Amino acid sequence: MTKGTLVIAGLGPGQDTLITPEVTEALAMATDVIGYIPYVARIPPRPGLNLIASDNRVELERAQHALQLAGKGHRVVVVSSGDPGVFAMASAVFEAIEVGPALWRDLDIRVLPGITAMLAAAARCGAPLGHDFCAINLSDNLKPWTLIEKRLRLAVEADFAMGFYNPRSNARPEGFGRALRLLQQLCDNQRPIIFARAVSTEAEAINILPLQNATPEMADMRTVVLLGSSTTRLIERVDKPPLVYTPRSVPS
């Protein structure tokens, strides 16, 4: 039997030119591409390629299916948007390997990085993550809200710039409102906040405003939210969007 391979690949934020050559090569060699429905839809069909799309709430089952196919000799690529190691499929695959059959540990497995939505959004606006920053997933689907609140409070105390993933879902619309109210209580309300929706696609929309003017309805699950630190600056320009950046140094 031909030895199978498993590649866990990041497709970047949406624009095809932001997919790395390494990922493009892996996709060209694949017999099976597995992922969430809209991500698999980005892969052009071709003879000999099996496209397997599934719902977003079955990550572990998807990982197990990919490992089973690779165990049978298939060349499998599991796709995520952005980077597969940032709130995406790489962790799910390794969770499955840890509790799965020994065969899965012997597979040829590679993780291929991609450009995250957070980094793509930051690049559109300047350099809001130019100094220390953190990323927090605001979904309480796999962790309690108390932990999210604790991490928000500590991130503010440490004065990080912050990137927020999965801010506001249809199933849990109230979570981002709670997070936003907490941040407005703890932070300087003139601190810039960035709502970056569908970055690098035709539907891209960037909204930069003071934290005090932000409302929960400005975000959805296609939005990544960036919040500056206390040192983050805004450079206004005539007839152009402002530039947002966090200086490289912090006064002692």
C-alpha atoms as a PDB file:
ATOM      1  CA  MET A   1       0.000   0.000   0.000  1.00  0.00           C
ATOM      2  CA  THR A   2       1.215   3.511  -0.827  1.00  0.00           C
ATOM      3  CA  LYS A   3       2.078   5.412   2.315  1.00  0.00           C
ATOM      4  CA  GLY A   4      -0.423   8.172   2.938  1.00  0.00           C
ATOM      5  CA  THR A   5       0.291  11.764   3.874  1.00  0.00           C
ATOM      6  CA  LEU A   6      -1.618  14.387   5.804  1.00  0.00           C
ATOM      7  CA  VAL A   7      -1.096  18.112   5.267  1.00  0.00           C
ATOM      8  CA  ILE A   8      -2.869  20.675   7.443  1.00  0.00           C
ATOM      9  CA  ALA A   9      -2.857  23.849   5.377  1.00  0.00           C
ATOM     10  CA  GLY A  10      -3.820  27.484   5.787  1.00  0.00           C
ATOM     11  CA  LEU A  11      -5.593  29.150   2.854  1.00  0.00           C
ATOM     12  CA  GLY A  12      -4.988  32.678   4.124  1.00  0.00           C
ATOM     13  CA  PRO A  13      -7.711  35.260   4.711  1.00  0.00           C
ATOM     14  CA  GLY A  14      -9.496  34.950   1.350  1.00  0.00           C
ATOM     15  CA  GLN A  15      -7.523  36.284  -1.600  1.00  0.00           C
ATOM     16  CA  ASP A  16      -5.961  33.524  -3.719  1.00  0.00           C
ATOM     17  CA  THR A  17      -2.703  35.448  -4.130  1.00  0.00           C
ATOM     18  CA  LEU A  18      -2.230  35.240  -0.336  1.00  0.00           C
ATOM     19  CA  ILE A  19      -2.058  31.437  -0.407  1.00  0.00           C
ATOM     20  CA  THR A  20       1.573  30.375  -0.045  1.00  0.00           C
ATOM     21  CA  PRO A  21       3.305  28.458  -2.877  1.00  0.00           C
ATOM     22  CA  GLU A  22       3.898  25.605  -0.426  1.00  0.00           C
ATOM     23  CA  VAL A  23       0.158  25.214   0.169  1.00  0.00           C
ATOM     24  CA  THR A  24      -0.582  25.507  -3.564  1.00  0.00           C
ATOM     25  CA  GLU A  25       1.861  22.673  -4.244  1.00  0.00           C
ATOM     26  CA  ALA A  26       0.287  20.474  -1.553  1.00  0.00           C
ATOM     27  CA  LEU A  27      -3.186  21.052  -2.994  1.00  0.00           C
ATOM     28  CA  ALA A  28      -1.940  20.109  -6.474  1.00  0.00           C
ATOM     29  CA  MET A  29      -0.680  16.770  -5.123  1.00  0.00           C
ATOM     30  CA  ALA A  30      -3.747  15.959  -3.002  1.00  0.00           C
ATOM     31  CA  THR A  31      -6.178  13.118  -3.588  1.00  0.00           C
ATOM     32  CA  ASP A  32      -8.571  14.453  -0.941  1.00  0.00           C
ATOM     33  CA  VAL A  33      -9.246  17.945   0.424  1.00  0.00           C
ATOM     34  CA  ILE A  34     -11.244  18.105   3.633  1.00  0.00           C
ATOM     35  CA  GLY A  35     -12.588  21.147   5.482  1.00  0.00           C
ATOM     36  CA  TYR A  36     -15.402  23.457   6.443  1.00  0.00           C
ATOM     37  CA  ILE A  37     -17.866  24.061   3.589  1.00  0.00           C
ATOM     38  CA  PRO A  38     -16.801  27.605   2.509  1.00  0.00           C
ATOM     39  CA  TYR A  39     -13.092  26.724   2.672  1.00  0.00           C
ATOM     40  CA  VAL A  40     -13.433  23.619   0.514  1.00  0.00           C
ATOM     41  CA  ALA A  41     -15.489  25.718  -1.931  1.00  0.00           C
ATOM     42  CA  ARG A  42     -12.327  27.753  -2.594  1.00  0.00           C
ATOM     43  CA  ILE A  43     -10.561  24.698  -4.058  1.00  0.00           C
ATOM     44  CA  PRO A  44     -11.074  24.245  -7.843  1.00  0.00           C
ATOM     45  CA  PRO A  45     -12.310  20.741  -8.720  1.00  0.00           C
ATOM     46  CA  ARG A  46     -10.151  18.542 -10.931  1.00  0.00           C
ATOM     47  CA  PRO A  47     -10.092  14.894 -11.993  1.00  0.00           C
ATOM     48  CA  GLY A  48      -8.807  12.630  -9.238  1.00  0.00           C
ATOM     49  CA  LEU A  49      -9.518  15.086  -6.435  1.00  0.00           C
ATOM     50  CA  ASN A  50     -12.160  14.294  -3.831  1.00  0.00           C
ATOM     51  CA  LEU A  51     -13.567  17.411  -2.159  1.00  0.00           C
ATOM     52  CA  ILE A  52     -15.084  16.636   1.249  1.00  0.00           C
ATOM     53  CA  ALA A  53     -16.914  19.519   2.937  1.00  0.00           C
ATOM     54  CA  SER A  54     -18.590  19.452   6.359  1.00  0.00           C
ATOM     55  CA  ASP A  55     -20.165  21.746   8.933  1.00  0.00           C
ATOM     56  CA  ASN A  56     -18.040  23.938  11.182  1.00  0.00           C
ATOM     57  CA  ARG A  57     -19.038  22.144  14.410  1.00  0.00           C
ATOM     58  CA  VAL A  58     -17.569  18.745  13.538  1.00  0.00           C
ATOM     59  CA  GLU A  59     -13.855  19.532  13.686  1.00  0.00           C
ATOM     60  CA  LEU A  60     -12.863  16.361  15.545  1.00  0.00           C
ATOM     61  CA  GLU A  61     -14.882  14.102  13.248  1.00  0.00           C
ATOM     62  CA  ARG A  62     -13.348  15.866  10.246  1.00  0.00           C
ATOM     63  CA  ALA A  63      -9.861  15.296  11.651  1.00  0.00           C
ATOM     64  CA  GLN A  64     -10.584  11.610  12.256  1.00  0.00           C
ATOM     65  CA  HIS A  65     -11.892  11.182   8.704  1.00  0.00           C
ATOM     66  CA  ALA A  66      -8.748  12.811   7.297  1.00  0.00           C
ATOM     67  CA  LEU A  67      -6.521  10.537   9.372  1.00  0.00           C
ATOM     68  CA  GLN A  68      -8.450   7.451   8.307  1.00  0.00           C
ATOM     69  CA  LEU A  69      -8.000   8.342   4.639  1.00  0.00           C
ATOM     70  CA  ALA A  70      -4.299   9.071   5.106  1.00  0.00           C
ATOM     71  CA  GLY A  71      -3.983   5.720   6.882  1.00  0.00           C
ATOM     72  CA  LYS A  72      -5.352   4.059   3.738  1.00  0.00           C
ATOM     73  CA  GLY A  73      -2.681   5.650   1.567  1.00  0.00           C
ATOM     74  CA  HIS A  74      -4.433   8.843   0.453  1.00  0.00           C
ATOM     75  CA  ARG A  75      -2.692  12.210   0.095  1.00  0.00           C
ATOM     76  CA  VAL A  76      -4.973  14.300   2.266  1.00  0.00           C
ATOM     77  CA  VAL A  77      -5.024  18.065   2.769  1.00  0.00           C
ATOM     78  CA  VAL A  78      -7.105  19.484   5.617  1.00  0.00           C
ATOM     79  CA  VAL A  79      -7.798  23.148   4.874  1.00  0.00           C
ATOM     80  CA  SER A  80      -8.472  26.052   7.210  1.00  0.00           C
ATOM     81  CA  SER A  81      -8.752  29.740   6.512  1.00  0.00           C
ATOM     82  CA  GLY A  82      -5.907  31.907   7.759  1.00  0.00           C
ATOM     83  CA  ASP A  83      -3.311  29.813   9.556  1.00  0.00           C
ATOM     84  CA  PRO A  84      -4.275  26.231  10.532  1.00  0.00           C
ATOM     85  CA  GLY A  85      -2.602  26.594  13.930  1.00  0.00           C
ATOM     86  CA  VAL A  86      -4.554  29.708  14.973  1.00  0.00           C
ATOM     87  CA  PHE A  87      -8.005  28.693  16.260  1.00  0.00           C
ATOM     88  CA  ALA A  88      -8.256  26.204  13.400  1.00  0.00           C
ATOM     89  CA  MET A  89      -7.844  22.577  12.351  1.00  0.00           C
ATOM     90  CA  ALA A  90      -4.274  21.757  13.387  1.00  0.00           C
ATOM     91  CA  SER A  91      -5.192  21.372  17.061  1.00  0.00           C
ATOM     92  CA  ALA A  92      -8.202  19.207  16.177  1.00  0.00           C
ATOM     93  CA  VAL A  93      -6.008  16.862  14.138  1.00  0.00           C
ATOM     94  CA  PHE A  94      -3.502  16.478  16.962  1.00  0.00           C
ATOM     95  CA  GLU A  95      -6.297  15.896  19.487  1.00  0.00           C
ATOM     96  CA  ALA A  96      -7.492  13.043  17.277  1.00  0.00           C
ATOM     97  CA  ILE A  97      -3.972  11.628  16.925  1.00  0.00           C
ATOM     98  CA  GLU A  98      -3.362  11.664  20.679  1.00  0.00           C
ATOM     99  CA  VAL A  99      -6.343   9.411  21.424  1.00  0.00           C
ATOM    100  CA  GLY A 100      -6.401   7.516  18.114  1.00  0.00           C
ATOM    101  CA  PRO A 101      -4.733   4.321  16.867  1.00  0.00           C
ATOM    102  CA  ALA A 102      -0.944   4.048  16.832  1.00  0.00           C
ATOM    103  CA  LEU A 103      -1.001   4.003  13.000  1.00  0.00           C
ATOM    104  CA  TRP A 104      -1.898   7.682  12.957  1.00  0.00           C
ATOM    105  CA  ARG A 105       1.270   8.644  14.837  1.00  0.00           C
ATOM    106  CA  ASP A 106       3.396   7.080  12.094  1.00  0.00           C
ATOM    107  CA  LEU A 107       1.840   9.104   9.265  1.00  0.00           C
ATOM    108  CA  ASP A 108       3.769  11.750   7.353  1.00  0.00           C
ATOM    109  CA  ILE A 109       2.117  14.882   8.789  1.00  0.00           C
ATOM    110  CA  ARG A 110       2.955  18.485   7.938  1.00  0.00           C
ATOM    111  CA  VAL A 111       1.439  21.783   9.035  1.00  0.00           C
ATOM    112  CA  LEU A 112       1.738  24.516   6.406  1.00  0.00           C
ATOM    113  CA  PRO A 113       1.288  28.065   7.719  1.00  0.00           C
ATOM    114  CA  GLY A 114      -0.939  30.727   6.244  1.00  0.00           C
ATOM    115  CA  ILE A 115      -1.607  34.435   6.679  1.00  0.00           C
ATOM    116  CA  THR A 116      -4.085  34.931   9.505  1.00  0.00           C
ATOM    117  CA  ALA A 117      -7.083  37.252   9.319  1.00  0.00           C
ATOM    118  CA  MET A 118      -5.593  39.153  12.252  1.00  0.00           C
ATOM    119  CA  LEU A 119      -2.324  39.850  10.417  1.00  0.00           C
ATOM    120  CA  ALA A 120      -4.079  40.639   7.135  1.00  0.00           C
ATOM    121  CA  ALA A 121      -6.355  43.112   8.911  1.00  0.00           C
ATOM    122  CA  ALA A 122      -3.430  44.725  10.708  1.00  0.00           C
ATOM    123  CA  ALA A 123      -1.586  45.167   7.416  1.00  0.00           C
ATOM    124  CA  ARG A 124      -4.592  46.902   5.868  1.00  0.00           C
ATOM    125  CA  CYS A 125      -4.551  49.531   8.632  1.00  0.00           C
ATOM    126  CA  GLY A 126      -0.839  50.096   9.241  1.00  0.00           C
ATOM    127  CA  ALA A 127       0.838  48.372  12.174  1.00  0.00           C
ATOM    128  CA  PRO A 128      -1.580  48.174  15.122  1.00  0.00           C
ATOM    129  CA  LEU A 129       0.223  45.021  16.304  1.00  0.00           C
ATOM    130  CA  GLY A 130       3.621  46.667  16.075  1.00  0.00           C
ATOM    131  CA  HIS A 131       4.512  45.893  19.687  1.00  0.00           C
ATOM    132  CA  ASP A 132       3.407  43.184  22.145  1.00  0.00           C
ATOM    133  CA  PHE A 133      -0.024  41.778  21.361  1.00  0.00           C
ATOM    134  CA  CYS A 134      -2.259  38.793  22.066  1.00  0.00           C
ATOM    135  CA  ALA A 135      -5.079  36.958  20.290  1.00  0.00           C
ATOM    136  CA  ILE A 136      -8.244  35.836  22.070  1.00  0.00           C
ATOM    137  CA  ASN A 137     -11.053  33.686  20.703  1.00  0.00           C
ATOM    138  CA  LEU A 138     -14.268  35.201  22.063  1.00  0.00           C
ATOM    139  CA  SER A 139     -16.386  32.109  21.397  1.00  0.00           C
ATOM    140  CA  ASP A 140     -17.518  30.355  24.569  1.00  0.00           C
ATOM    141  CA  ASN A 141     -18.401  27.214  22.637  1.00  0.00           C
ATOM    142  CA  LEU A 142     -15.337  25.305  23.916  1.00  0.00           C
ATOM    143  CA  LYS A 143     -14.425  27.302  27.029  1.00  0.00           C
ATOM    144  CA  PRO A 144     -16.383  29.110  29.761  1.00  0.00           C
ATOM    145  CA  TRP A 145     -17.154  32.813  29.621  1.00  0.00           C
ATOM    146  CA  THR A 146     -15.422  33.268  32.991  1.00  0.00           C
ATOM    147  CA  LEU A 147     -12.111  32.310  31.370  1.00  0.00           C
ATOM    148  CA  ILE A 148     -12.675  34.727  28.482  1.00  0.00           C
ATOM    149  CA  GLU A 149     -13.368  37.544  30.941  1.00  0.00           C
ATOM    150  CA  LYS A 150     -10.268  36.670  32.989  1.00  0.00           C
ATOM    151  CA  ARG A 151      -8.077  36.773  29.888  1.00  0.00           C
ATOM    152  CA  LEU A 152      -9.575  40.085  28.762  1.00  0.00           C
ATOM    153  CA  ARG A 153      -8.905  41.653  32.158  1.00  0.00           C
ATOM    154  CA  LEU A 154      -5.324  40.379  32.268  1.00  0.00           C
ATOM    155  CA  ALA A 155      -4.645  41.490  28.685  1.00  0.00           C
ATOM    156  CA  VAL A 156      -5.822  44.995  29.540  1.00  0.00           C
ATOM    157  CA  GLU A 157      -3.720  44.975  32.724  1.00  0.00           C
ATOM    158  CA  ALA A 158      -0.657  43.915  30.701  1.00  0.00           C
ATOM    159  CA  ASP A 159      -1.481  46.624  28.124  1.00  0.00           C
ATOM    160  CA  PHE A 160      -1.415  44.337  25.103  1.00  0.00           C
ATOM    161  CA  ALA A 161      -2.842  45.265  21.757  1.00  0.00           C
ATOM    162  CA  MET A 162      -5.442  42.566  21.112  1.00  0.00           C
ATOM    163  CA  GLY A 163      -6.882  40.596  18.235  1.00  0.00           C
ATOM    164  CA  PHE A 164     -10.323  39.049  18.719  1.00  0.00           C
ATOM    165  CA  TYR A 165     -11.515  36.055  16.713  1.00  0.00           C
ATOM    166  CA  ASN A 166     -15.112  34.776  16.463  1.00  0.00           C
ATOM    167  CA  PRO A 167     -16.552  37.875  18.109  1.00  0.00           C
ATOM    168  CA  ARG A 168     -20.276  37.482  17.436  1.00  0.00           C
ATOM    169  CA  SER A 169     -22.123  34.429  16.166  1.00  0.00           C
ATOM    170  CA  ASN A 170     -25.807  34.002  15.356  1.00  0.00           C
ATOM    171  CA  ALA A 171     -26.036  31.301  18.032  1.00  0.00           C
ATOM    172  CA  ARG A 172     -24.326  33.414  20.714  1.00  0.00           C
ATOM    173  CA  PRO A 173     -24.829  37.080  19.783  1.00  0.00           C
ATOM    174  CA  GLU A 174     -24.607  38.376  23.347  1.00  0.00           C
ATOM    175  CA  GLY A 175     -20.967  37.416  24.051  1.00  0.00           C
ATOM    176  CA  PHE A 176     -19.305  40.211  22.103  1.00  0.00           C
ATOM    177  CA  GLY A 177     -21.542  42.796  23.755  1.00  0.00           C
ATOM    178  CA  ARG A 178     -20.356  41.578  27.156  1.00  0.00           C
ATOM    179  CA  ALA A 179     -16.734  41.685  26.051  1.00  0.00           C
ATOM    180  CA  LEU A 180     -17.119  45.146  24.560  1.00  0.00           C
ATOM    181  CA  ARG A 181     -18.767  46.564  27.682  1.00  0.00           C
ATOM    182  CA  LEU A 182     -15.966  45.163  29.813  1.00  0.00           C
ATOM    183  CA  LEU A 183     -13.288  46.673  27.564  1.00  0.00           C
ATOM    184  CA  GLN A 184     -15.063  50.046  27.566  1.00  0.00           C
ATOM    185  CA  GLN A 185     -15.036  49.972  31.380  1.00  0.00           C
ATOM    186  CA  LEU A 186     -11.350  49.042  31.645  1.00  0.00           C
ATOM    187  CA  CYS A 187      -9.736  50.983  28.794  1.00  0.00           C
ATOM    188  CA  ASP A 188      -9.310  54.546  27.649  1.00  0.00           C
ATOM    189  CA  ASN A 189     -12.356  55.010  25.449  1.00  0.00           C
ATOM    190  CA  GLN A 190     -10.381  56.934  22.817  1.00  0.00           C
ATOM    191  CA  ARG A 191      -8.271  53.836  22.165  1.00  0.00           C
ATOM    192  CA  PRO A 192      -8.645  52.830  18.485  1.00  0.00           C
ATOM    193  CA  ILE A 193     -10.609  49.705  17.671  1.00  0.00           C
ATOM    194  CA  ILE A 194     -10.682  48.166  14.205  1.00  0.00           C
ATOM    195  CA  PHE A 195     -13.479  46.054  12.758  1.00  0.00           C
ATOM    196  CA  ALA A 196     -12.098  44.232   9.717  1.00  0.00           C
ATOM    197  CA  ARG A 197     -14.665  42.130   7.873  1.00  0.00           C
ATOM    198  CA  ALA A 198     -13.881  39.653   5.075  1.00  0.00           C
ATOM    199  CA  VAL A 199     -10.359  41.012   4.638  1.00  0.00           C
ATOM    200  CA  SER A 200      -8.852  40.525   1.156  1.00  0.00           C
ATOM    201  CA  THR A 201     -12.198  39.548  -0.426  1.00  0.00           C
ATOM    202  CA  GLU A 202     -14.640  41.598  -2.506  1.00  0.00           C
ATOM    203  CA  ALA A 203     -16.760  42.045   0.620  1.00  0.00           C
ATOM    204  CA  GLU A 204     -13.914  43.617   2.619  1.00  0.00           C
ATOM    205  CA  ALA A 205     -14.944  46.402   4.992  1.00  0.00           C
ATOM    206  CA  ILE A 206     -12.644  48.184   7.446  1.00  0.00           C
ATOM    207  CA  ASN A 207     -14.032  50.396  10.202  1.00  0.00           C
ATOM    208  CA  ILE A 208     -11.653  52.307  12.510  1.00  0.00           C
ATOM    209  CA  LEU A 209     -13.161  54.251  15.413  1.00  0.00           C
ATOM    210  CA  PRO A 210     -12.698  55.100  19.101  1.00  0.00           C
ATOM    211  CA  LEU A 211     -13.537  52.287  21.501  1.00  0.00           C
ATOM    212  CA  GLN A 212     -16.304  54.372  23.105  1.00  0.00           C
ATOM    213  CA  ASN A 213     -18.187  54.464  19.766  1.00  0.00           C
ATOM    214  CA  ALA A 214     -18.042  50.720  19.122  1.00  0.00           C
ATOM    215  CA  THR A 215     -21.245  48.661  19.254  1.00  0.00           C
ATOM    216  CA  PRO A 216     -21.750  44.878  19.171  1.00  0.00           C
ATOM    217  CA  GLU A 217     -23.565  44.972  15.828  1.00  0.00           C
ATOM    218  CA  MET A 218     -20.363  46.104  14.095  1.00  0.00           C
ATOM    219  CA  ALA A 219     -18.980  42.543  14.265  1.00  0.00           C
ATOM    220  CA  ASP A 220     -20.022  39.135  12.987  1.00  0.00           C
ATOM    221  CA  MET A 221     -18.238  35.808  12.478  1.00  0.00           C
ATOM    222  CA  ARG A 222     -16.491  37.096   9.334  1.00  0.00           C
ATOM    223  CA  THR A 223     -15.018  39.977  11.328  1.00  0.00           C
ATOM    224  CA  VAL A 224     -11.716  40.094  13.167  1.00  0.00           C
ATOM    225  CA  VAL A 225     -11.524  42.883  15.746  1.00  0.00           C
ATOM    226  CA  LEU A 226      -8.267  44.618  16.696  1.00  0.00           C
ATOM    227  CA  LEU A 227      -7.957  46.813  19.774  1.00  0.00           C
ATOM    228  CA  GLY A 228      -4.926  49.000  20.303  1.00  0.00           C
ATOM    229  CA  SER A 229      -2.888  49.262  23.479  1.00  0.00           C
ATOM    230  CA  SER A 230      -2.595  52.481  25.489  1.00  0.00           C
ATOM    231  CA  THR A 231       0.300  53.564  23.252  1.00  0.00           C
ATOM    232  CA  THR A 232      -1.387  52.879  19.889  1.00  0.00           C
ATOM    233  CA  ARG A 233      -1.467  55.964  17.672  1.00  0.00           C
ATOM    234  CA  LEU A 234      -3.678  57.206  14.848  1.00  0.00           C
ATOM    235  CA  ILE A 235      -2.262  59.212  11.936  1.00  0.00           C
ATOM    236  CA  GLU A 236      -5.011  61.142  10.183  1.00  0.00           C
ATOM    237  CA  ARG A 237      -4.678  61.724   6.413  1.00  0.00           C
ATOM    238  CA  VAL A 238      -6.524  63.862   3.872  1.00  0.00           C
ATOM    239  CA  ASP A 239      -8.891  61.842   1.646  1.00  0.00           C
ATOM    240  CA  LYS A 240      -7.362  58.573   2.843  1.00  0.00           C
ATOM    241  CA  PRO A 241      -8.101  56.219   5.731  1.00  0.00           C
ATOM    242  CA  PRO A 242      -6.051  56.874   8.866  1.00  0.00           C
ATOM    243  CA  LEU A 243      -2.944  54.849   9.655  1.00  0.00           C
ATOM    244  CA  VAL A 244      -2.984  52.963  12.947  1.00  0.00           C
ATOM    245  CA  TYR A 245       0.255  51.868  14.566  1.00  0.00           C
ATOM    246  CA  THR A 246       1.653  50.814  17.920  1.00  0.00           C
ATOM    247  CA  PRO A 247       5.146  52.259  18.531  1.00  0.00           C
ATOM    248  CA  ARG A 248       8.076  49.878  18.874  1.00  0.00           C
ATOM    249  CA  SER A 249       9.076  51.278  22.250  1.00  0.00           C
ATOM    250  CA  VAL A 250       7.294  51.850  25.572  1.00  0.00           C
ATOM    251  CA  PRO A 251       8.342  54.673  27.918  1.00  0.00           C
ATOM    252  CA  SER A 252       9.893  53.409  31.156  1.00  0.00           C
END
